[in-house]
Structure formats: structure tokens, C-alpha cells
Protein backbone atom coordinates (compact mmCIF):
# COMPACT_ATOMS: atom_id res chain seq x y z
CA MET A 1 -41.25 63.42 36.39
CA VAL A 2 -41.51 59.63 36.67
CA GLU A 3 -43.20 59.86 40.06
CA ARG A 4 -45.93 62.14 38.69
CA LEU A 5 -46.21 60.15 35.46
CA GLN A 6 -46.69 56.73 37.08
CA PRO A 7 -50.36 57.22 38.11
CA ILE A 8 -51.24 58.30 34.56
CA ALA A 9 -49.36 55.33 33.10
CA ASP A 10 -51.21 53.01 35.48
CA GLU A 11 -54.56 54.55 34.55
CA PHE A 12 -53.98 54.01 30.82
CA GLY A 13 -52.09 50.72 31.09
CA CYS A 14 -48.78 52.11 29.82
CA GLU A 15 -45.25 51.20 30.78
CA ILE A 16 -42.55 53.72 31.58
CA GLU A 17 -39.01 53.13 30.40
CA VAL A 18 -36.40 55.36 31.99
CA LEU A 19 -33.21 56.04 30.05
CA ASP A 20 -30.19 57.89 31.41
CA VAL A 21 -29.40 60.49 28.76
CA ASP A 22 -25.92 60.96 30.22
CA GLU A 23 -25.08 57.32 29.51
CA ASP A 24 -25.68 57.58 25.74
CA GLU A 25 -23.80 60.08 23.57
CA ALA A 26 -26.52 60.22 20.91
CA LEU A 27 -29.26 60.83 23.46
CA GLU A 28 -27.16 63.42 25.26
CA ALA A 29 -26.46 65.26 22.00
CA ARG A 30 -30.16 65.37 21.17
CA TRP A 31 -31.82 65.83 24.57
CA GLY A 32 -29.09 66.91 27.01
CA LEU A 33 -30.42 70.43 27.62
CA LEU A 34 -34.07 69.35 27.73
CA VAL A 35 -33.82 66.69 30.45
CA PRO A 36 -36.05 65.41 31.76
CA VAL A 37 -37.81 64.77 28.48
CA LEU A 38 -40.84 62.54 27.96
CA LEU A 39 -41.06 60.71 24.66
CA ALA A 40 -43.70 58.46 23.20
CA GLY A 41 -41.66 56.67 20.58
CA ASP A 42 -39.97 59.50 18.69
CA GLN A 43 -42.62 62.06 19.65
CA GLU A 44 -41.70 64.52 22.40
CA LEU A 45 -44.65 64.98 24.75
CA CYS A 46 -42.94 67.42 27.12
CA HIS A 47 -39.65 68.41 28.70
CA TYR A 48 -38.49 70.01 31.96
CA ARG A 49 -41.92 69.51 33.58
CA LEU A 50 -44.65 66.93 33.12
CA ASP A 51 -47.42 68.30 30.89
CA VAL A 52 -50.31 66.24 32.26
CA ALA A 53 -52.77 67.51 29.63
CA ALA A 54 -50.44 66.56 26.75
CA VAL A 55 -49.78 63.11 28.21
CA ARG A 56 -53.47 62.42 28.80
CA ALA A 57 -54.35 63.62 25.29
CA TYR A 58 -51.72 61.31 23.82
CA CYS A 59 -52.87 58.33 25.91
CA ARG A 60 -56.49 58.86 24.90
CA ARG A 61 -55.44 58.60 21.24
CA PHE A 62 -53.83 55.19 21.81
CA PRO A 63 -55.77 53.35 24.53
CA LEU A 64 -54.07 50.17 25.69
CA LYS A 65 -56.50 48.94 28.33
CA SER A 66 -59.42 46.88 27.15
CA GLY A 67 -62.85 46.90 28.74
CA SER A 68 -62.20 49.38 31.57
């Protein structure tokens, strides 16, 4: 998922933070069966597969790049 997400993150000026769900009991309890999961803060954008449309829609709501 990260590989496919990176170009979108670059386009919108976002950073990707990868967390290993298996390394954190709380994350594993919440997301273990839905991995990979893509969150924006506490909001789940997608799981299992990258939902490009959902990610782009989210990024358009919160543009980070200025002037481009």
C-alpha cells in the first residue's frame, strides 16, 4: 500500500508514517484483521487495498502544498 500511496502523498505534500500493528497491542487489537489500514489521524480512509479515490478526496479537503 505504501508504494502505491507515495506518489499521491508526494503530489499533495503529505508525509507517510508507517506503524507496525504487530508491535503495539492496542493497535493490533483495533486493526489487526484490517491490515494494511490507512488512517488520516483517527479517520480510516481504507483497509486491505488502497482506495485512491478516497485518499485523493481526503487530500483535496486538506491541501498542504501552497502555490502549486
